[in-house]
C-alpha atoms as a PDB file:
ATOM      1  CA  MET A   1      20.351 -19.543  -7.003  1.00  0.00           C
ATOM      2  CA  SER A   2      20.123 -16.854  -4.330  1.00  0.00           C
ATOM      3  CA  PHE A   3      19.647 -14.146  -7.006  1.00  0.00           C
ATOM      4  CA  ALA A   4      16.837 -16.140  -8.625  1.00  0.00           C
ATOM      5  CA  ILE A   5      15.040 -16.413  -5.289  1.00  0.00           C
ATOM      6  CA  ALA A   6      15.597 -12.703  -4.618  1.00  0.00           C
ATOM      7  CA  LEU A   7      14.314 -11.758  -8.087  1.00  0.00           C
ATOM      8  CA  ALA A   8      11.194 -13.901  -7.713  1.00  0.00           C
ATOM      9  CA  THR A   9      10.599 -12.378  -4.296  1.00  0.00           C
ATOM     10  CA  ASP A  10      10.944  -8.875  -5.730  1.00  0.00           C
ATOM     11  CA  LEU A  11       8.493  -9.521  -8.572  1.00  0.00           C
ATOM     12  CA  ILE A  12       5.876 -10.772  -6.129  1.00  0.00           C
ATOM     13  CA  ALA A  13       6.572  -7.954  -3.675  1.00  0.00           C
ATOM     14  CA  ILE A  14       6.366  -5.136  -6.241  1.00  0.00           C
ATOM     15  CA  PHE A  15       3.121  -6.583  -7.626  1.00  0.00           C
ATOM     16  CA  VAL A  16       1.605  -6.596  -4.145  1.00  0.00           C
ATOM     17  CA  LEU A  17       2.925  -3.105  -3.355  1.00  0.00           C
ATOM     18  CA  ALA A  18       2.128  -1.352  -6.631  1.00  0.00           C
ATOM     19  CA  TYR A  19      -1.121  -3.026  -7.646  1.00  0.00           C
ATOM     20  CA  VAL A  20      -2.732  -4.724  -4.655  1.00  0.00           C
ATOM     21  CA  LEU A  21      -1.898  -2.050  -2.070  1.00  0.00           C
ATOM     22  CA  TYR A  22      -1.395   1.184  -4.004  1.00  0.00           C
ATOM     23  CA  PHE A  23      -3.465   1.061  -7.186  1.00  0.00           C
ATOM     24  CA  ARG A  24      -6.517  -0.639  -5.696  1.00  0.00           C
ATOM     25  CA  ARG A  25      -6.583   1.928  -2.886  1.00  0.00           C
ATOM     26  CA  HIS A  26      -5.485   5.141  -4.633  1.00  0.00           C
ATOM     27  CA  ARG A  27      -6.242   4.536  -8.337  1.00  0.00           C
ATOM     28  CA  ARG A  28      -3.341   6.407  -9.990  1.00  0.00           C
ATOM     29  CA  ARG A  29      -2.232   4.465 -13.043  1.00  0.00           C
ATOM     30  CA  ASP A  30       0.768   6.741 -13.739  1.00  0.00           C
ATOM     31  CA  LEU A  31       2.297   6.048 -10.335  1.00  0.00           C
ATOM     32  CA  LEU A  32       1.624   2.330 -10.695  1.00  0.00           C
ATOM     33  CA  LEU A  33       3.914   2.367 -13.724  1.00  0.00           C
ATOM     34  CA  SER A  34       6.460   4.560 -11.919  1.00  0.00           C
ATOM     35  CA  TYR A  35       6.748   2.235  -8.925  1.00  0.00           C
ATOM     36  CA  VAL A  36       7.247  -0.842 -11.080  1.00  0.00           C
ATOM     37  CA  ALA A  37       9.743   0.903 -13.384  1.00  0.00           C
ATOM     38  CA  LEU A  38      11.723   2.278 -10.427  1.00  0.00           C
ATOM     39  CA  ASN A  39      11.848  -1.121  -8.759  1.00  0.00           C
ATOM     40  CA  ILE A  40      12.974  -2.956 -11.897  1.00  0.00           C
ATOM     41  CA  GLY A  41      15.551  -0.269 -12.657  1.00  0.00           C
ATOM     42  CA  VAL A  42      17.022  -0.453  -9.161  1.00  0.00           C
ATOM     43  CA  VAL A  43      17.260  -4.258  -9.341  1.00  0.00           C
ATOM     44  CA  ALA A  44      19.024  -4.058 -12.720  1.00  0.00           C
ATOM     45  CA  VAL A  45      21.479  -1.326 -11.716  1.00  0.00           C
ATOM     46  CA  THR A  46      22.248  -2.840  -8.307  1.00  0.00           C
ATOM     47  CA  SER A  47      22.868  -6.257  -9.855  1.00  0.00           C
ATOM     48  CA  ALA A  48      25.191  -4.704 -12.465  1.00  0.00           C
ATOM     49  CA  LEU A  49      27.117  -2.781  -9.817  1.00  0.00           C
ATOM     50  CA  GLY A  50      27.488  -5.954  -7.785  1.00  0.00           C
ATOM     51  CA  SER A  51      29.139  -7.777 -10.665  1.00  0.00           C
ATOM     52  CA  VAL A  52      31.868  -5.185 -11.347  1.00  0.00           C
ATOM     53  CA  GLU A  53      34.263  -3.148  -9.252  1.00  0.00           C
ATOM     54  CA  VAL A  54      33.110   0.468  -9.017  1.00  0.00           C
ATOM     55  CA  GLY A  55      33.878   3.303  -6.659  1.00  0.00           C
ATOM     56  CA  VAL A  56      31.599   4.120  -3.759  1.00  0.00           C
ATOM     57  CA  GLY A  57      31.070   7.610  -5.187  1.00  0.00           C
ATOM     58  CA  LEU A  58      29.760   6.267  -8.505  1.00  0.00           C
ATOM     59  CA  GLY A  59      27.435   3.846  -6.760  1.00  0.00           C
ATOM     60  CA  MET A  60      26.016   6.557  -4.493  1.00  0.00           C
ATOM     61  CA  GLY A  61      25.642   8.904  -7.463  1.00  0.00           C
ATOM     62  CA  LEU A  62      23.603   6.371  -9.432  1.00  0.00           C
ATOM     63  CA  PHE A  63      21.525   5.631  -6.350  1.00  0.00           C
ATOM     64  CA  GLY A  64      20.817   9.350  -5.920  1.00  0.00           C
ATOM     65  CA  ILE A  65      19.744   9.767  -9.546  1.00  0.00           C
ATOM     66  CA  LEU A  66      17.355   6.828  -9.298  1.00  0.00           C
ATOM     67  CA  SER A  67      15.838   8.084  -6.068  1.00  0.00           C
ATOM     68  CA  ILE A  68      15.157  11.733  -7.020  1.00  0.00           C
ATOM     69  CA  ILE A  69      14.635  11.945 -10.772  1.00  0.00           C
ATOM     70  CA  ARG A  70      10.948  11.007 -10.625  1.00  0.00           C
ATOM     71  CA  LEU A  71      10.225  12.831  -7.363  1.00  0.00           C
ATOM     72  CA  ARG A  72      11.318  16.147  -8.868  1.00  0.00           C
ATOM     73  CA  SER A  73       9.082  15.889 -11.931  1.00  0.00           C
ATOM     74  CA  ASP A  74       5.627  15.973 -10.323  1.00  0.00           C
ATOM     75  CA  GLN A  75       3.836  17.053  -7.185  1.00  0.00           C
ATOM     76  CA  ILE A  76       2.891  13.999  -5.157  1.00  0.00           C
ATOM     77  CA  THR A  77       1.769  13.374  -1.610  1.00  0.00           C
ATOM     78  CA  GLN A  78       3.923  12.201   1.276  1.00  0.00           C
ATOM     79  CA  GLN A  79       1.949   8.970   1.202  1.00  0.00           C
ATOM     80  CA  GLU A  80       2.970   8.371  -2.411  1.00  0.00           C
ATOM     81  CA  ILE A  81       6.594   9.215  -1.623  1.00  0.00           C
ATOM     82  CA  ALA A  82       6.497   6.437   0.988  1.00  0.00           C
ATOM     83  CA  TYR A  83       5.511   3.995  -1.758  1.00  0.00           C
ATOM     84  CA  TYR A  84       8.427   5.273  -3.874  1.00  0.00           C
ATOM     85  CA  PHE A  85      10.941   4.541  -1.158  1.00  0.00           C
ATOM     86  CA  THR A  86       9.388   1.154  -0.491  1.00  0.00           C
ATOM     87  CA  ALA A  87       9.687   0.227  -4.179  1.00  0.00           C
ATOM     88  CA  LEU A  88      13.289   1.459  -4.033  1.00  0.00           C
ATOM     89  CA  ALA A  89      14.046  -0.591  -0.911  1.00  0.00           C
ATOM     90  CA  LEU A  90      12.563  -3.748  -2.416  1.00  0.00           C
ATOM     91  CA  GLY A  91      14.691  -3.276  -5.534  1.00  0.00           C
ATOM     92  CA  LEU A  92      17.842  -2.855  -3.464  1.00  0.00           C
ATOM     93  CA  LEU A  93      17.092  -5.970  -1.445  1.00  0.00           C
ATOM     94  CA  ALA A  94      16.657  -8.025  -4.611  1.00  0.00           C
ATOM     95  CA  GLY A  95      19.687  -6.541  -6.344  1.00  0.00           C
ATOM     96  CA  LEU A  96      22.000  -7.061  -3.382  1.00  0.00           C
ATOM     97  CA  HIS A  97      20.406 -10.453  -2.406  1.00  0.00           C
ATOM     98  CA  PRO A  98      22.334 -10.727   0.879  1.00  0.00           C
ATOM     99  CA  ASN A  99      23.043 -14.064   2.540  1.00  0.00           C
ATOM    100  CA  PRO A 100      21.433 -16.166   3.899  1.00  0.00           C
ATOM    101  CA  ILE A 101      19.012 -16.632   1.016  1.00  0.00           C
ATOM    102  CA  TRP A 102      15.915 -16.344   3.229  1.00  0.00           C
ATOM    103  CA  LEU A 103      16.858 -12.816   4.344  1.00  0.00           C
ATOM    104  CA  THR A 104      15.532 -11.045   1.223  1.00  0.00           C
ATOM    105  CA  PRO A 105      12.086 -12.744   1.329  1.00  0.00           C
ATOM    106  CA  LEU A 106      11.811 -12.094   5.062  1.00  0.00           C
ATOM    107  CA  LEU A 107      12.733  -8.391   4.862  1.00  0.00           C
ATOM    108  CA  SER A 108      10.503  -7.887   1.825  1.00  0.00           C
ATOM    109  CA  LEU A 109       7.591  -9.446   3.691  1.00  0.00           C
ATOM    110  CA  LEU A 110       8.200  -7.190   6.689  1.00  0.00           C
ATOM    111  CA  VAL A 111       8.275  -4.066   4.497  1.00  0.00           C
ATOM    112  CA  ILE A 112       5.102  -5.011   2.602  1.00  0.00           C
ATOM    113  CA  THR A 113       3.289  -5.899   5.826  1.00  0.00           C
ATOM    114  CA  ALA A 114       4.208  -2.559   7.393  1.00  0.00           C
ATOM    115  CA  ILE A 115       2.917  -0.609   4.388  1.00  0.00           C
ATOM    116  CA  ALA A 116      -0.276  -2.702   4.234  1.00  0.00           C
ATOM    117  CA  ILE A 117      -1.045  -1.944   7.877  1.00  0.00           C
ATOM    118  CA  LEU A 118      -0.013   1.715   7.998  1.00  0.00           C
ATOM    119  CA  ASP A 119      -1.841   2.633   4.773  1.00  0.00           C
ATOM    120  CA  SER A 120      -4.939   0.685   5.735  1.00  0.00           C
ATOM    121  CA  PRO A 121      -8.271   2.581   5.874  1.00  0.00           C
ATOM    122  CA  LEU A 122      -8.585   1.234   9.420  1.00  0.00           C
ATOM    123  CA  ILE A 123      -5.638   3.379  10.578  1.00  0.00           C
ATOM    124  CA  ALA A 124      -6.656   6.986  11.374  1.00  0.00           C
ATOM    125  CA  SER A 125      -9.387   6.978   8.726  1.00  0.00           C
ATOM    126  CA  SER A 126     -11.168   9.915  10.375  1.00  0.00           C
ATOM    127  CA  THR A 127      -8.087  12.158  10.251  1.00  0.00           C
ATOM    128  CA  HIS A 128      -7.681  14.450   7.230  1.00  0.00           C
ATOM    129  CA  ARG A 129      -5.560  17.319   5.942  1.00  0.00           C
ATOM    130  CA  HIS A 130      -6.409  20.076   3.438  1.00  0.00           C
ATOM    131  CA  THR A 131      -5.110  23.391   2.199  1.00  0.00           C
ATOM    132  CA  PHE A 132      -8.232  25.485   2.569  1.00  0.00           C
ATOM    133  CA  THR A 133      -9.245  29.008   1.542  1.00  0.00           C
ATOM    134  CA  VAL A 134     -11.782  30.627   3.851  1.00  0.00           C
ATOM    135  CA  ASP A 135     -13.935  33.319   2.248  1.00  0.00           C
ATOM    136  CA  ARG A 136     -13.187  35.756   5.082  1.00  0.00           C
ATOM    137  CA  ALA A 137     -10.037  37.335   6.467  1.00  0.00           C
ATOM    138  CA  ILE A 138     -10.056  35.988  10.034  1.00  0.00           C
ATOM    139  CA  THR A 139      -7.272  37.221  12.296  1.00  0.00           C
ATOM    140  CA  ASP A 140      -8.593  35.757  15.550  1.00  0.00           C
ATOM    141  CA  ARG A 141      -7.270  32.191  15.872  1.00  0.00           C
ATOM    142  CA  ASP A 142     -10.060  30.922  18.131  1.00  0.00           C
ATOM    143  CA  GLU A 143     -12.704  32.294  15.779  1.00  0.00           C
ATOM    144  CA  LEU A 144     -10.936  30.667  12.840  1.00  0.00           C
ATOM    145  CA  ILE A 145     -10.811  27.274  14.565  1.00  0.00           C
ATOM    146  CA  ASP A 146     -14.503  27.484  15.499  1.00  0.00           C
ATOM    147  CA  HIS A 147     -15.377  28.389  11.899  1.00  0.00           C
ATOM    148  CA  LEU A 148     -13.390  25.447  10.497  1.00  0.00           C
ATOM    149  CA  LYS A 149     -14.954  23.060  13.001  1.00  0.00           C
ATOM    150  CA  ASP A 150     -18.367  24.077  11.686  1.00  0.00           C
ATOM    151  CA  VAL A 151     -17.322  23.814   8.027  1.00  0.00           C
ATOM    152  CA  PHE A 152     -15.800  20.342   8.351  1.00  0.00           C
ATOM    153  CA  ASP A 153     -18.012  19.155  11.212  1.00  0.00           C
ATOM    154  CA  ALA A 154     -14.740  18.303  12.948  1.00  0.00           C
ATOM    155  CA  GLU A 155     -14.137  17.063  16.447  1.00  0.00           C
ATOM    156  CA  THR A 156     -10.600  18.434  16.729  1.00  0.00           C
ATOM    157  CA  VAL A 157      -8.786  20.931  14.514  1.00  0.00           C
ATOM    158  CA  ARG A 158      -5.141  21.879  14.157  1.00  0.00           C
ATOM    159  CA  VAL A 159      -4.589  24.823  11.842  1.00  0.00           C
ATOM    160  CA  GLU A 160      -1.586  26.695  10.443  1.00  0.00           C
ATOM    161  CA  VAL A 161      -2.374  30.072   8.868  1.00  0.00           C
ATOM    162  CA  LEU A 162      -0.477  30.336   5.583  1.00  0.00           C
ATOM    163  CA  ASP A 163      -1.767  33.709   4.384  1.00  0.00           C
ATOM    164  CA  ILE A 164      -4.306  36.404   5.321  1.00  0.00           C
ATOM    165  CA  ASP A 165      -5.360  38.581   2.373  1.00  0.00           C
ATOM    166  CA  MET A 166      -7.147  41.680   3.628  1.00  0.00           C
ATOM    167  CA  VAL A 167      -7.707  42.945   0.070  1.00  0.00           C
ATOM    168  CA  ARG A 168      -9.481  39.829  -1.217  1.00  0.00           C
ATOM    169  CA  ASP A 169     -10.911  39.119   2.254  1.00  0.00           C
ATOM    170  CA  THR A 170      -9.634  35.511   2.385  1.00  0.00           C
ATOM    171  CA  THR A 171      -7.604  33.327   4.738  1.00  0.00           C
ATOM    172  CA  LEU A 172      -5.437  30.487   3.464  1.00  0.00           C
ATOM    173  CA  VAL A 173      -4.874  27.731   6.023  1.00  0.00           C
ATOM    174  CA  ASP A 174      -3.339  24.279   6.332  1.00  0.00           C
ATOM    175  CA  ILE A 175      -5.893  22.326   8.343  1.00  0.00           C
ATOM    176  CA  ARG A 176      -5.553  18.904   9.973  1.00  0.00           C
ATOM    177  CA  TYR A 177      -8.749  17.654  11.617  1.00  0.00           C
ATOM    178  CA  THR A 178     -10.576  14.637  12.992  1.00  0.00           C
ATOM    179  CA  THR A 179     -14.179  14.172  11.942  1.00  0.00           C
ATOM    180  CA  LYS A 180     -16.956  13.298  14.316  1.00  0.00           C
ATOM    181  CA  PRO A 181     -17.789   9.547  14.261  1.00  0.00           C
ATOM    182  CA  ALA A 182     -21.230   9.985  12.732  1.00  0.00           C
ATOM    183  CA  ARG A 183     -19.876  12.107   9.883  1.00  0.00           C
ATOM    184  CA  THR A 184     -16.708  10.208   9.009  1.00  0.00           C
ATOM    185  CA  SER A 185     -18.110   8.660   5.825  1.00  0.00           C
ATOM    186  CA  ALA A 186     -19.452  11.993   4.560  1.00  0.00           C
ATOM    187  CA  ALA A 187     -16.154  13.711   5.284  1.00  0.00           C
ATOM    188  CA  ASN A 188     -14.218  10.975   3.486  1.00  0.00           C
ATOM    189  CA  SER A 189     -16.482  11.377   0.455  1.00  0.00           C
ATOM    190  CA  ARG A 190     -15.926  15.124   0.379  1.00  0.00           C
ATOM    191  CA  ALA A 191     -12.165  14.681   0.795  1.00  0.00           C
ATOM    192  CA  GLU A 192     -12.037  12.213  -2.110  1.00  0.00           C
ATOM    193  CA  THR A 193     -14.003  14.653  -4.294  1.00  0.00           C
ATOM    194  CA  ALA A 194     -11.556  17.403  -3.388  1.00  0.00           C
ATOM    195  CA  ALA A 195      -8.529  15.242  -4.224  1.00  0.00           C
ATOM    196  CA  ALA A 196     -10.009  14.205  -7.577  1.00  0.00           C
ATOM    197  CA  SER A 197     -10.777  17.804  -8.503  1.00  0.00           C
ATOM    198  CA  GLN A 198      -7.293  18.959  -7.502  1.00  0.00           C
ATOM    199  CA  GLN A 199      -5.736  16.397  -9.841  1.00  0.00           C
ATOM    200  CA  SER A 200      -7.894  17.642 -12.733  1.00  0.00           C
ATOM    201  CA  GLY A 201      -7.034  21.275 -11.993  1.00  0.00           C
ATOM    202  CA  THR A 202     -10.566  22.361 -11.081  1.00  0.00           C
ATOM    203  CA  VAL A 203     -12.097  23.781  -7.937  1.00  0.00           C
ATOM    204  CA  ALA A 204     -12.099  20.945  -5.485  1.00  0.00           C
ATOM    205  CA  TRP A 205     -15.094  21.427  -3.240  1.00  0.00           C
ATOM    206  CA  MET A 206     -17.386  24.158  -1.962  1.00  0.00           C
ATOM    207  CA  SER A 207     -18.443  24.035   1.666  1.00  0.00           C
ATOM    208  CA  ASP A 208     -21.734  25.228   3.124  1.00  0.00           C
ATOM    209  CA  SER A 209     -19.978  28.485   4.070  1.00  0.00           C
ATOM    210  CA  ASN A 210     -18.901  29.161   0.446  1.00  0.00           C
ATOM    211  CA  ALA A 211     -15.254  28.450   1.292  1.00  0.00           C
ATOM    212  CA  GLU A 212     -13.297  26.598  -1.354  1.00  0.00           C
ATOM    213  CA  VAL A 213     -10.479  24.105  -1.242  1.00  0.00           C
ATOM    214  CA  ARG A 214      -7.756  24.642  -3.786  1.00  0.00           C
END
């Protein structure tokens, strides 16, 4: 009975996580399938391990394979990795179905609620991160920050210089910035265009200063 309740809880939880929260917000069909498949696989394997006597080493080995095999096959964001581990955690909760029987539904609800809040557009929606190629080799950090503030119309900028190419006259930076309130919507639109172009393998976005995001 407890396993049936845990399984029903998991099916509802993975639907909410993968479709309601992830797919409707981020629109990646391939990862929708991955999250559901990972969750179902973890439930099946954990349930099987719970019904037979196996060594701790074998159990940890299977857990490791399940947790890294998909993560090593594609480049995904840290945000998407968080969804992977959440799907994994939900599968483990259902497969182990600890007593009392209300513990699995309660913990699943807490996990889903945390993801729903933390990945909400209302949380830090004006904060963005890009890998950005400036069309000039800028060695002065203050000048570089001022230039990026103008390009992104940003209120605050934190930048890490990844490469300065004096031959091609370019600067590659990792930029984290907060947009000005009046320009948040425009910045979000440009960031979404950049992300979509990166996934298709094309140039993401050209700024007014002819700098490109790769």
